[in-house]
């Protein structure tokens, strides 16, 4: 036990848990341990879709850990007073995962959806921002039958997307949320029902499931050079700033290869275009590649799980 290291794992709801971890335990193995601790009934299956991001400053997510990296060894490299942390979150959004009825999985999917909305990682219009805030409030405070416009105070920023917040006065946000809370009878929902509705609305966005990176492009001249690049089970999607609808998709099955020049670019080659390379200027090339590789391997796991589910229910593939 003397060679084991205490590792704090942080979650997107601002909570954390401490684990005693051996130096040889990989990120993939550790994700299953954390999933089990969180009450997943199938940690070996559902834990696979989760992973860890290293945050150097304790706020920004700097890089995803590979499946073979050892969290205990990474934690040892941090100075005692370092703000660095490991953040546990969903990394792979395949159907085999998003259709899980596991309550613990549903809860952490909801937590990540809230994080993606409030940080404006997933841009939304003001009307949807208000509806989501009302549902989040119901989930957070299920004992409150009304939305008191004075209750949240400065905490209103925890419920409204950061990019939307500056468009209205805080008082106006509170008034709009209260109106939706009353008009749409949000108080009649249980906390679980509020979370389910929240997830359904976020899942309806084209951007849902994407891990987002800022890049510079020159291949699509009708769009700005500075855009957002998303990695998901669909492949690579390109988004204009402030949009949740992609203007271009490189399908996962059409990707021949991908790579990067450290600190400079990320590129992807397309099968249907005879291996043509599309190049994006970014310092996050290695992170994008790691996410792409995780999705490539995750596809096999996804297909296997869906097959087992069909066999277990006697379903036949359409």
C-alpha atoms as a PDB file:
ATOM      1  CA  UNK A   1       0.000   0.000   0.000  1.00  0.00           C
ATOM      2  CA  UNK A   2       2.972   2.304   0.520  1.00  0.00           C
ATOM      3  CA  UNK A   3       3.406   2.828  -3.217  1.00  0.00           C
ATOM      4  CA  UNK A   4      -0.215   3.917  -3.647  1.00  0.00           C
ATOM      5  CA  UNK A   5      -1.166   7.549  -4.058  1.00  0.00           C
ATOM      6  CA  UNK A   6      -4.197   9.488  -2.865  1.00  0.00           C
ATOM      7  CA  UNK A   7      -5.897  10.932  -5.932  1.00  0.00           C
ATOM      8  CA  UNK A   8      -8.776  13.402  -5.770  1.00  0.00           C
ATOM      9  CA  UNK A   9     -11.267  13.034  -8.590  1.00  0.00           C
ATOM     10  CA  UNK A  10     -13.429  16.058  -9.316  1.00  0.00           C
ATOM     11  CA  UNK A  11     -16.845  16.071 -10.954  1.00  0.00           C
ATOM     12  CA  UNK A  12     -18.714  18.674 -12.987  1.00  0.00           C
ATOM     13  CA  UNK A  13     -21.138  19.353 -10.126  1.00  0.00           C
ATOM     14  CA  UNK A  14     -18.180  20.743  -8.102  1.00  0.00           C
ATOM     15  CA  UNK A  15     -17.987  17.696  -5.834  1.00  0.00           C
ATOM     16  CA  UNK A  16     -15.030  15.351  -5.476  1.00  0.00           C
ATOM     17  CA  UNK A  17     -14.017  11.975  -4.071  1.00  0.00           C
ATOM     18  CA  UNK A  18     -10.614  10.746  -2.922  1.00  0.00           C
ATOM     19  CA  UNK A  19      -9.220   7.379  -4.009  1.00  0.00           C
ATOM     20  CA  UNK A  20      -6.113   5.401  -3.047  1.00  0.00           C
ATOM     21  CA  UNK A  21      -4.660   4.402  -6.405  1.00  0.00           C
ATOM     22  CA  UNK A  22      -1.792   2.096  -7.345  1.00  0.00           C
ATOM     23  CA  UNK A  23       0.804   3.495  -9.785  1.00  0.00           C
ATOM     24  CA  UNK A  24       0.047   0.856 -12.426  1.00  0.00           C
ATOM     25  CA  UNK A  25      -3.731   1.427 -12.568  1.00  0.00           C
ATOM     26  CA  UNK A  26      -4.606   2.865 -15.958  1.00  0.00           C
ATOM     27  CA  UNK A  27      -7.102   5.604 -16.720  1.00  0.00           C
ATOM     28  CA  UNK A  28      -9.438   3.042 -18.289  1.00  0.00           C
ATOM     29  CA  UNK A  29      -9.312   0.815 -15.206  1.00  0.00           C
ATOM     30  CA  UNK A  30      -9.691   3.750 -12.840  1.00  0.00           C
ATOM     31  CA  UNK A  31     -12.787   5.000 -14.688  1.00  0.00           C
ATOM     32  CA  UNK A  32     -14.502   1.699 -13.860  1.00  0.00           C
ATOM     33  CA  UNK A  33     -13.524   2.080 -10.188  1.00  0.00           C
ATOM     34  CA  UNK A  34     -14.958   5.601 -10.070  1.00  0.00           C
ATOM     35  CA  UNK A  35     -18.138   4.470 -11.855  1.00  0.00           C
ATOM     36  CA  UNK A  36     -18.581   1.728  -9.263  1.00  0.00           C
ATOM     37  CA  UNK A  37     -18.117   4.256  -6.456  1.00  0.00           C
ATOM     38  CA  UNK A  38     -20.775   6.468  -8.039  1.00  0.00           C
ATOM     39  CA  UNK A  39     -23.267   3.615  -7.887  1.00  0.00           C
ATOM     40  CA  UNK A  40     -23.281   2.435 -11.499  1.00  0.00           C
ATOM     41  CA  UNK A  41     -24.909  -1.014 -11.639  1.00  0.00           C
ATOM     42  CA  UNK A  42     -22.782  -1.915 -14.686  1.00  0.00           C
ATOM     43  CA  UNK A  43     -19.488  -0.079 -14.059  1.00  0.00           C
ATOM     44  CA  UNK A  44     -17.544  -2.259 -16.517  1.00  0.00           C
ATOM     45  CA  UNK A  45     -19.963  -1.341 -19.296  1.00  0.00           C
ATOM     46  CA  UNK A  46     -21.057   2.213 -18.530  1.00  0.00           C
ATOM     47  CA  UNK A  47     -17.743   3.285 -17.003  1.00  0.00           C
ATOM     48  CA  UNK A  48     -16.129   2.769 -20.398  1.00  0.00           C
ATOM     49  CA  UNK A  49     -17.805   5.877 -21.796  1.00  0.00           C
ATOM     50  CA  UNK A  50     -16.271   8.075 -19.114  1.00  0.00           C
ATOM     51  CA  UNK A  51     -12.720   9.307 -18.778  1.00  0.00           C
ATOM     52  CA  UNK A  52     -10.517  11.940 -17.202  1.00  0.00           C
ATOM     53  CA  UNK A  53      -9.359  15.376 -18.213  1.00  0.00           C
ATOM     54  CA  UNK A  54      -6.356  17.020 -16.616  1.00  0.00           C
ATOM     55  CA  UNK A  55      -6.869  20.614 -15.530  1.00  0.00           C
ATOM     56  CA  UNK A  56      -3.634  22.476 -14.833  1.00  0.00           C
ATOM     57  CA  UNK A  57      -5.210  25.581 -13.311  1.00  0.00           C
ATOM     58  CA  UNK A  58      -8.182  23.860 -11.690  1.00  0.00           C
ATOM     59  CA  UNK A  59     -10.647  25.590 -14.026  1.00  0.00           C
ATOM     60  CA  UNK A  60      -9.916  24.850 -17.675  1.00  0.00           C
ATOM     61  CA  UNK A  61      -9.872  21.349 -19.117  1.00  0.00           C
ATOM     62  CA  UNK A  62      -6.439  21.078 -20.721  1.00  0.00           C
ATOM     63  CA  UNK A  63      -6.202  17.560 -22.080  1.00  0.00           C
ATOM     64  CA  UNK A  64      -7.892  14.147 -22.019  1.00  0.00           C
ATOM     65  CA  UNK A  65      -5.958  11.284 -20.485  1.00  0.00           C
ATOM     66  CA  UNK A  66      -5.337   8.352 -22.798  1.00  0.00           C
ATOM     67  CA  UNK A  67      -6.751   4.975 -21.780  1.00  0.00           C
ATOM     68  CA  UNK A  68      -3.283   3.711 -20.828  1.00  0.00           C
ATOM     69  CA  UNK A  69      -2.061   6.676 -18.774  1.00  0.00           C
ATOM     70  CA  UNK A  70      -1.839   6.115 -15.024  1.00  0.00           C
ATOM     71  CA  UNK A  71      -3.651   8.770 -12.934  1.00  0.00           C
ATOM     72  CA  UNK A  72      -1.529   8.148  -9.827  1.00  0.00           C
ATOM     73  CA  UNK A  73       1.656   8.833 -11.771  1.00  0.00           C
ATOM     74  CA  UNK A  74       0.199  12.040 -13.199  1.00  0.00           C
ATOM     75  CA  UNK A  75      -0.873  13.237  -9.763  1.00  0.00           C
ATOM     76  CA  UNK A  76       2.675  12.691  -8.485  1.00  0.00           C
ATOM     77  CA  UNK A  77       3.994  15.260 -10.967  1.00  0.00           C
ATOM     78  CA  UNK A  78       1.925  18.055  -9.402  1.00  0.00           C
ATOM     79  CA  UNK A  79       3.450  20.313  -6.756  1.00  0.00           C
ATOM     80  CA  UNK A  80       1.829  20.066  -3.280  1.00  0.00           C
ATOM     81  CA  UNK A  81       0.212  23.497  -3.688  1.00  0.00           C
ATOM     82  CA  UNK A  82      -0.761  22.950  -7.320  1.00  0.00           C
ATOM     83  CA  UNK A  83      -4.371  23.703  -8.355  1.00  0.00           C
ATOM     84  CA  UNK A  84      -4.162  20.854 -10.898  1.00  0.00           C
ATOM     85  CA  UNK A  85      -6.906  18.268 -10.800  1.00  0.00           C
ATOM     86  CA  UNK A  86      -8.394  15.284 -12.595  1.00  0.00           C
ATOM     87  CA  UNK A  87     -11.975  15.744 -13.796  1.00  0.00           C
ATOM     88  CA  UNK A  88     -14.213  12.722 -14.409  1.00  0.00           C
ATOM     89  CA  UNK A  89     -16.668  13.214 -17.251  1.00  0.00           C
ATOM     90  CA  UNK A  90     -18.316  11.602 -20.251  1.00  0.00           C
ATOM     91  CA  UNK A  91     -15.931  11.248 -23.179  1.00  0.00           C
ATOM     92  CA  UNK A  92     -17.830   9.051 -25.631  1.00  0.00           C
ATOM     93  CA  UNK A  93     -21.449   9.707 -26.631  1.00  0.00           C
ATOM     94  CA  UNK A  94     -22.513   6.576 -28.495  1.00  0.00           C
ATOM     95  CA  UNK A  95     -26.091   5.278 -28.708  1.00  0.00           C
ATOM     96  CA  UNK A  96     -25.131   2.346 -26.471  1.00  0.00           C
ATOM     97  CA  UNK A  97     -24.398   4.929 -23.771  1.00  0.00           C
ATOM     98  CA  UNK A  98     -27.014   7.625 -24.354  1.00  0.00           C
ATOM     99  CA  UNK A  99     -29.854   5.061 -24.400  1.00  0.00           C
ATOM    100  CA  UNK A 100     -28.830   3.572 -21.054  1.00  0.00           C
ATOM    101  CA  UNK A 101     -31.640   3.604 -18.491  1.00  0.00           C
ATOM    102  CA  UNK A 102     -29.191   3.350 -15.591  1.00  0.00           C
ATOM    103  CA  UNK A 103     -30.219   6.108 -13.097  1.00  0.00           C
ATOM    104  CA  UNK A 104     -26.634   6.959 -12.123  1.00  0.00           C
ATOM    105  CA  UNK A 105     -25.643   7.272 -15.786  1.00  0.00           C
ATOM    106  CA  UNK A 106     -28.642   9.491 -16.466  1.00  0.00           C
ATOM    107  CA  UNK A 107     -27.725  11.743 -13.548  1.00  0.00           C
ATOM    108  CA  UNK A 108     -24.126  12.292 -14.685  1.00  0.00           C
ATOM    109  CA  UNK A 109     -25.249  12.845 -18.250  1.00  0.00           C
ATOM    110  CA  UNK A 110     -27.528  15.556 -16.890  1.00  0.00           C
ATOM    111  CA  UNK A 111     -24.690  17.127 -14.860  1.00  0.00           C
ATOM    112  CA  UNK A 112     -22.506  17.289 -17.957  1.00  0.00           C
ATOM    113  CA  UNK A 113     -25.345  18.719 -20.035  1.00  0.00           C
ATOM    114  CA  UNK A 114     -25.779  21.520 -17.481  1.00  0.00           C
ATOM    115  CA  UNK A 115     -22.042  22.222 -17.563  1.00  0.00           C
ATOM    116  CA  UNK A 116     -22.033  22.347 -21.376  1.00  0.00           C
ATOM    117  CA  UNK A 117     -24.971  24.768 -21.424  1.00  0.00           C
ATOM    118  CA  UNK A 118     -23.905  27.089 -18.591  1.00  0.00           C
ATOM    119  CA  UNK A 119     -20.354  27.408 -19.947  1.00  0.00           C
ATOM    120  CA  UNK A 120     -21.819  28.079 -23.430  1.00  0.00           C
ATOM    121  CA  UNK A 121     -19.884  25.129 -24.783  1.00  0.00           C
ATOM    122  CA  UNK A 122     -23.246  24.339 -26.378  1.00  0.00           C
ATOM    123  CA  UNK A 123     -24.675  27.709 -27.556  1.00  0.00           C
ATOM    124  CA  UNK A 124     -28.440  28.202 -27.183  1.00  0.00           C
ATOM    125  CA  UNK A 125     -30.969  30.949 -27.862  1.00  0.00           C
ATOM    126  CA  UNK A 126     -32.320  32.985 -24.938  1.00  0.00           C
ATOM    127  CA  UNK A 127     -35.735  31.283 -24.894  1.00  0.00           C
ATOM    128  CA  UNK A 128     -34.188  27.854 -24.543  1.00  0.00           C
ATOM    129  CA  UNK A 129     -31.715  29.173 -21.967  1.00  0.00           C
ATOM    130  CA  UNK A 130     -34.654  30.335 -19.839  1.00  0.00           C
ATOM    131  CA  UNK A 131     -36.502  26.999 -20.117  1.00  0.00           C
ATOM    132  CA  UNK A 132     -33.364  25.057 -19.217  1.00  0.00           C
ATOM    133  CA  UNK A 133     -32.686  27.338 -16.249  1.00  0.00           C
ATOM    134  CA  UNK A 134     -36.224  26.728 -14.944  1.00  0.00           C
ATOM    135  CA  UNK A 135     -35.767  22.951 -15.211  1.00  0.00           C
ATOM    136  CA  UNK A 136     -32.345  23.109 -13.592  1.00  0.00           C
ATOM    137  CA  UNK A 137     -33.812  25.129 -10.725  1.00  0.00           C
ATOM    138  CA  UNK A 138     -36.556  22.540 -10.245  1.00  0.00           C
ATOM    139  CA  UNK A 139     -33.980  19.752 -10.136  1.00  0.00           C
ATOM    140  CA  UNK A 140     -31.799  21.666  -7.691  1.00  0.00           C
ATOM    141  CA  UNK A 141     -34.595  22.848  -5.375  1.00  0.00           C
ATOM    142  CA  UNK A 142     -37.473  20.342  -5.723  1.00  0.00           C
ATOM    143  CA  UNK A 143     -39.021  21.468  -2.433  1.00  0.00           C
ATOM    144  CA  UNK A 144     -39.721  24.980  -3.799  1.00  0.00           C
ATOM    145  CA  UNK A 145     -43.162  25.347  -5.394  1.00  0.00           C
ATOM    146  CA  UNK A 146     -42.429  28.794  -6.872  1.00  0.00           C
ATOM    147  CA  UNK A 147     -39.446  30.530  -8.405  1.00  0.00           C
ATOM    148  CA  UNK A 148     -38.609  33.423  -6.086  1.00  0.00           C
ATOM    149  CA  UNK A 149     -36.900  36.115  -8.192  1.00  0.00           C
ATOM    150  CA  UNK A 150     -34.805  37.143  -5.166  1.00  0.00           C
ATOM    151  CA  UNK A 151     -33.777  33.656  -4.090  1.00  0.00           C
ATOM    152  CA  UNK A 152     -30.735  32.965  -6.282  1.00  0.00           C
ATOM    153  CA  UNK A 153     -29.063  36.358  -6.044  1.00  0.00           C
ATOM    154  CA  UNK A 154     -25.555  36.137  -7.498  1.00  0.00           C
ATOM    155  CA  UNK A 155     -26.028  32.395  -8.062  1.00  0.00           C
ATOM    156  CA  UNK A 156     -28.149  33.160 -11.128  1.00  0.00           C
ATOM    157  CA  UNK A 157     -24.897  32.797 -13.123  1.00  0.00           C
ATOM    158  CA  UNK A 158     -24.950  29.070 -12.272  1.00  0.00           C
ATOM    159  CA  UNK A 159     -28.169  28.693 -14.248  1.00  0.00           C
ATOM    160  CA  UNK A 160     -27.772  30.972 -17.284  1.00  0.00           C
ATOM    161  CA  UNK A 161     -25.276  30.387 -20.134  1.00  0.00           C
ATOM    162  CA  UNK A 162     -22.308  32.717 -19.787  1.00  0.00           C
ATOM    163  CA  UNK A 163     -22.583  34.021 -23.367  1.00  0.00           C
ATOM    164  CA  UNK A 164     -26.292  34.797 -22.916  1.00  0.00           C
ATOM    165  CA  UNK A 165     -26.064  36.305 -19.452  1.00  0.00           C
ATOM    166  CA  UNK A 166     -24.699  39.672 -20.541  1.00  0.00           C
ATOM    167  CA  UNK A 167     -27.616  40.168 -22.948  1.00  0.00           C
ATOM    168  CA  UNK A 168     -30.058  40.908 -20.114  1.00  0.00           C
ATOM    169  CA  UNK A 169     -29.979  42.361 -16.643  1.00  0.00           C
ATOM    170  CA  UNK A 170     -29.874  39.699 -13.870  1.00  0.00           C
ATOM    171  CA  UNK A 171     -33.317  40.923 -12.734  1.00  0.00           C
ATOM    172  CA  UNK A 172     -34.735  40.252 -16.200  1.00  0.00           C
ATOM    173  CA  UNK A 173     -33.303  36.723 -16.278  1.00  0.00           C
ATOM    174  CA  UNK A 174     -34.919  36.021 -12.918  1.00  0.00           C
ATOM    175  CA  UNK A 175     -38.259  37.413 -14.102  1.00  0.00           C
ATOM    176  CA  UNK A 176     -38.197  35.370 -17.322  1.00  0.00           C
ATOM    177  CA  UNK A 177     -37.309  32.165 -15.501  1.00  0.00           C
ATOM    178  CA  UNK A 178     -40.090  32.772 -12.976  1.00  0.00           C
ATOM    179  CA  UNK A 179     -42.564  33.289 -15.825  1.00  0.00           C
ATOM    180  CA  UNK A 180     -41.653  30.006 -17.524  1.00  0.00           C
ATOM    181  CA  UNK A 181     -41.590  28.219 -14.163  1.00  0.00           C
ATOM    182  CA  UNK A 182     -45.189  29.315 -13.565  1.00  0.00           C
ATOM    183  CA  UNK A 183     -46.635  29.203 -17.113  1.00  0.00           C
ATOM    184  CA  UNK A 184     -45.290  25.756 -17.955  1.00  0.00           C
ATOM    185  CA  UNK A 185     -46.091  24.286 -14.532  1.00  0.00           C
ATOM    186  CA  UNK A 186     -42.478  23.285 -13.911  1.00  0.00           C
ATOM    187  CA  UNK A 187     -43.232  22.946 -10.205  1.00  0.00           C
ATOM    188  CA  UNK A 188     -45.375  19.876 -10.984  1.00  0.00           C
ATOM    189  CA  UNK A 189     -42.281  17.968 -12.085  1.00  0.00           C
ATOM    190  CA  UNK A 190     -40.226  15.797  -9.767  1.00  0.00           C
ATOM    191  CA  UNK A 191     -36.498  16.501  -9.691  1.00  0.00           C
ATOM    192  CA  UNK A 192     -35.917  13.406 -11.837  1.00  0.00           C
ATOM    193  CA  UNK A 193     -38.552  14.478 -14.368  1.00  0.00           C
ATOM    194  CA  UNK A 194     -36.957  17.934 -14.562  1.00  0.00           C
ATOM    195  CA  UNK A 195     -33.570  16.366 -15.287  1.00  0.00           C
ATOM    196  CA  UNK A 196     -35.095  14.111 -17.935  1.00  0.00           C
ATOM    197  CA  UNK A 197     -36.746  17.055 -19.703  1.00  0.00           C
ATOM    198  CA  UNK A 198     -33.513  19.049 -19.490  1.00  0.00           C
ATOM    199  CA  UNK A 199     -31.584  16.197 -21.103  1.00  0.00           C
ATOM    200  CA  UNK A 200     -34.184  15.759 -23.832  1.00  0.00           C
ATOM    201  CA  UNK A 201     -33.933  19.428 -24.784  1.00  0.00           C
ATOM    202  CA  UNK A 202     -30.128  19.387 -24.851  1.00  0.00           C
ATOM    203  CA  UNK A 203     -30.053  16.095 -26.757  1.00  0.00           C
ATOM    204  CA  UNK A 204     -32.199  17.777 -29.386  1.00  0.00           C
ATOM    205  CA  UNK A 205     -29.340  20.127 -30.239  1.00  0.00           C
ATOM    206  CA  UNK A 206     -27.192  19.105 -33.217  1.00  0.00           C
ATOM    207  CA  UNK A 207     -24.110  19.930 -31.172  1.00  0.00           C
ATOM    208  CA  UNK A 208     -24.951  17.441 -28.407  1.00  0.00           C
ATOM    209  CA  UNK A 209     -22.198  14.908 -27.726  1.00  0.00           C
ATOM    210  CA  UNK A 210     -19.433  16.977 -29.306  1.00  0.00           C
ATOM    211  CA  UNK A 211     -16.157  17.682 -27.554  1.00  0.00           C
ATOM    212  CA  UNK A 212     -15.368  21.194 -28.711  1.00  0.00           C
ATOM    213  CA  UNK A 213     -12.104  22.829 -29.783  1.00  0.00           C
ATOM    214  CA  UNK A 214     -11.333  26.270 -31.217  1.00  0.00           C
ATOM    215  CA  UNK A 215      -9.488  26.107 -34.548  1.00  0.00           C
ATOM    216  CA  UNK A 216      -8.664  28.263 -37.570  1.00  0.00           C
ATOM    217  CA  UNK A 217      -9.723  27.024 -41.016  1.00  0.00           C
ATOM    218  CA  UNK A 218      -9.338  28.077 -44.642  1.00  0.00           C
ATOM    219  CA  UNK A 219     -11.163  25.216 -46.419  1.00  0.00           C
ATOM    220  CA  UNK A 220     -14.633  26.764 -46.168  1.00  0.00           C
ATOM    221  CA  UNK A 221     -14.250  30.384 -47.372  1.00  0.00           C
ATOM    222  CA  UNK A 222     -17.927  31.256 -46.834  1.00  0.00           C
ATOM    223  CA  UNK A 223     -17.383  30.845 -43.099  1.00  0.00           C
ATOM    224  CA  UNK A 224     -15.200  32.655 -40.594  1.00  0.00           C
ATOM    225  CA  UNK A 225     -11.619  31.525 -40.210  1.00  0.00           C
ATOM    226  CA  UNK A 226     -12.005  31.155 -36.444  1.00  0.00           C
ATOM    227  CA  UNK A 227     -14.515  28.386 -35.771  1.00  0.00           C
ATOM    228  CA  UNK A 228     -15.351  25.542 -33.403  1.00  0.00           C
ATOM    229  CA  UNK A 229     -14.424  21.960 -34.276  1.00  0.00           C
ATOM    230  CA  UNK A 230     -16.396  19.196 -32.579  1.00  0.00           C
ATOM    231  CA  UNK A 231     -15.464  15.529 -32.188  1.00  0.00           C
ATOM    232  CA  UNK A 232     -18.313  13.071 -31.682  1.00  0.00           C
ATOM    233  CA  UNK A 233     -19.675   9.686 -32.758  1.00  0.00           C
ATOM    234  CA  UNK A 234     -20.708  11.420 -36.001  1.00  0.00           C
ATOM    235  CA  UNK A 235     -17.084  12.247 -36.790  1.00  0.00           C
ATOM    236  CA  UNK A 236     -15.799  15.800 -37.035  1.00  0.00           C
ATOM    237  CA  UNK A 237     -18.242  18.687 -37.210  1.00  0.00           C
ATOM    238  CA  UNK A 238     -17.529  22.344 -37.855  1.00  0.00           C
ATOM    239  CA  UNK A 239     -19.534  25.125 -36.189  1.00  0.00           C
ATOM    240  CA  UNK A 240     -19.614  28.881 -36.582  1.00  0.00           C
ATOM    241  CA  UNK A 241     -19.088  30.697 -33.306  1.00  0.00           C
ATOM    242  CA  UNK A 242     -22.336  30.897 -31.350  1.00  0.00           C
ATOM    243  CA  UNK A 243     -24.064  28.217 -33.432  1.00  0.00           C
ATOM    244  CA  UNK A 244     -25.192  24.776 -32.297  1.00  0.00           C
ATOM    245  CA  UNK A 245     -25.784  23.594 -35.880  1.00  0.00           C
ATOM    246  CA  UNK A 246     -22.761  22.338 -37.867  1.00  0.00           C
ATOM    247  CA  UNK A 247     -22.074  23.843 -41.262  1.00  0.00           C
ATOM    248  CA  UNK A 248     -20.004  20.822 -42.286  1.00  0.00           C
ATOM    249  CA  UNK A 249     -19.547  17.220 -41.132  1.00  0.00           C
ATOM    250  CA  UNK A 250     -16.701  14.820 -41.899  1.00  0.00           C
ATOM    251  CA  UNK A 251     -18.419  11.484 -41.266  1.00  0.00           C
ATOM    252  CA  UNK A 252     -16.590   9.133 -38.899  1.00  0.00           C
ATOM    253  CA  UNK A 253     -16.785   6.276 -41.440  1.00  0.00           C
ATOM    254  CA  UNK A 254     -15.274   8.511 -44.132  1.00  0.00           C
ATOM    255  CA  UNK A 255     -12.170   9.408 -42.163  1.00  0.00           C
ATOM    256  CA  UNK A 256      -9.058   7.739 -43.553  1.00  0.00           C
ATOM    257  CA  UNK A 257      -6.548   9.077 -41.041  1.00  0.00           C
ATOM    258  CA  UNK A 258      -5.845  12.000 -38.764  1.00  0.00           C
ATOM    259  CA  UNK A 259      -2.793  13.571 -37.202  1.00  0.00           C
ATOM    260  CA  UNK A 260      -1.207  16.745 -35.929  1.00  0.00           C
ATOM    261  CA  UNK A 261       1.892  18.906 -35.854  1.00  0.00           C
ATOM    262  CA  UNK A 262       2.590  19.619 -32.160  1.00  0.00           C
ATOM    263  CA  UNK A 263       1.352  23.075 -31.157  1.00  0.00           C
ATOM    264  CA  UNK A 264       0.496  24.017 -34.746  1.00  0.00           C
ATOM    265  CA  UNK A 265      -2.101  22.027 -36.684  1.00  0.00           C
ATOM    266  CA  UNK A 266      -4.567  19.153 -36.806  1.00  0.00           C
ATOM    267  CA  UNK A 267      -5.382  17.423 -40.092  1.00  0.00           C
ATOM    268  CA  UNK A 268      -7.858  14.818 -41.295  1.00  0.00           C
ATOM    269  CA  UNK A 269      -7.831  12.788 -44.541  1.00  0.00           C
ATOM    270  CA  UNK A 270     -11.106  11.893 -46.265  1.00  0.00           C
ATOM    271  CA  UNK A 271     -11.626   8.517 -47.982  1.00  0.00           C
ATOM    272  CA  UNK A 272     -14.278   9.678 -50.450  1.00  0.00           C
ATOM    273  CA  UNK A 273     -12.005  12.496 -51.618  1.00  0.00           C
ATOM    274  CA  UNK A 274      -9.055  10.231 -52.407  1.00  0.00           C
ATOM    275  CA  UNK A 275      -7.317  10.958 -49.126  1.00  0.00           C
ATOM    276  CA  UNK A 276      -7.545  14.737 -49.391  1.00  0.00           C
ATOM    277  CA  UNK A 277      -6.226  16.468 -46.271  1.00  0.00           C
ATOM    278  CA  UNK A 278      -8.135  19.200 -44.460  1.00  0.00           C
ATOM    279  CA  UNK A 279      -5.870  21.193 -42.178  1.00  0.00           C
ATOM    280  CA  UNK A 280      -6.821  23.274 -39.138  1.00  0.00           C
ATOM    281  CA  UNK A 281      -4.499  25.572 -37.241  1.00  0.00           C
ATOM    282  CA  UNK A 282      -4.699  24.801 -33.520  1.00  0.00           C
ATOM    283  CA  UNK A 283      -2.503  24.167 -30.513  1.00  0.00           C
ATOM    284  CA  UNK A 284      -4.903  21.365 -29.489  1.00  0.00           C
ATOM    285  CA  UNK A 285      -4.006  18.917 -32.257  1.00  0.00           C
ATOM    286  CA  UNK A 286      -2.871  16.170 -29.902  1.00  0.00           C
ATOM    287  CA  UNK A 287      -6.068  16.468 -27.840  1.00  0.00           C
ATOM    288  CA  UNK A 288      -8.263  16.278 -30.944  1.00  0.00           C
ATOM    289  CA  UNK A 289      -6.361  13.201 -32.113  1.00  0.00           C
ATOM    290  CA  UNK A 290      -6.764  11.522 -28.729  1.00  0.00           C
ATOM    291  CA  UNK A 291     -10.520  12.132 -28.843  1.00  0.00           C
ATOM    292  CA  UNK A 292     -10.702  10.801 -32.410  1.00  0.00           C
ATOM    293  CA  UNK A 293      -8.776   7.660 -31.486  1.00  0.00           C
ATOM    294  CA  UNK A 294     -11.018   7.083 -28.467  1.00  0.00           C
ATOM    295  CA  UNK A 295     -14.067   7.273 -30.724  1.00  0.00           C
ATOM    296  CA  UNK A 296     -12.537   4.901 -33.279  1.00  0.00           C
ATOM    297  CA  UNK A 297     -11.954   2.239 -30.601  1.00  0.00           C
ATOM    298  CA  UNK A 298     -15.209   3.088 -28.837  1.00  0.00           C
ATOM    299  CA  UNK A 299     -17.182   2.273 -31.966  1.00  0.00           C
ATOM    300  CA  UNK A 300     -16.301  -1.426 -31.569  1.00  0.00           C
ATOM    301  CA  UNK A 301     -17.424  -1.398 -27.920  1.00  0.00           C
ATOM    302  CA  UNK A 302     -20.636   0.382 -28.922  1.00  0.00           C
ATOM    303  CA  UNK A 303     -21.503  -2.209 -31.588  1.00  0.00           C
ATOM    304  CA  UNK A 304     -20.746  -5.083 -29.197  1.00  0.00           C
ATOM    305  CA  UNK A 305     -23.015  -3.705 -26.456  1.00  0.00           C
ATOM    306  CA  UNK A 306     -25.916  -3.085 -28.846  1.00  0.00           C
ATOM    307  CA  UNK A 307     -25.519  -6.624 -30.187  1.00  0.00           C
ATOM    308  CA  UNK A 308     -25.665  -8.082 -26.658  1.00  0.00           C
ATOM    309  CA  UNK A 309     -28.756  -6.022 -25.885  1.00  0.00           C
ATOM    310  CA  UNK A 310     -30.526  -7.305 -28.995  1.00  0.00           C
ATOM    311  CA  UNK A 311     -29.578 -10.886 -28.156  1.00  0.00           C
ATOM    312  CA  UNK A 312     -30.791 -10.413 -24.596  1.00  0.00           C
ATOM    313  CA  UNK A 313     -34.205  -9.139 -25.690  1.00  0.00           C
ATOM    314  CA  UNK A 314     -34.576 -11.421 -28.691  1.00  0.00           C
ATOM    315  CA  UNK A 315     -34.444  -8.386 -30.995  1.00  0.00           C
ATOM    316  CA  UNK A 316     -33.261  -8.749 -34.552  1.00  0.00           C
ATOM    317  CA  UNK A 317     -31.392  -6.088 -36.409  1.00  0.00           C
ATOM    318  CA  UNK A 318     -33.500  -4.139 -38.853  1.00  0.00           C
END
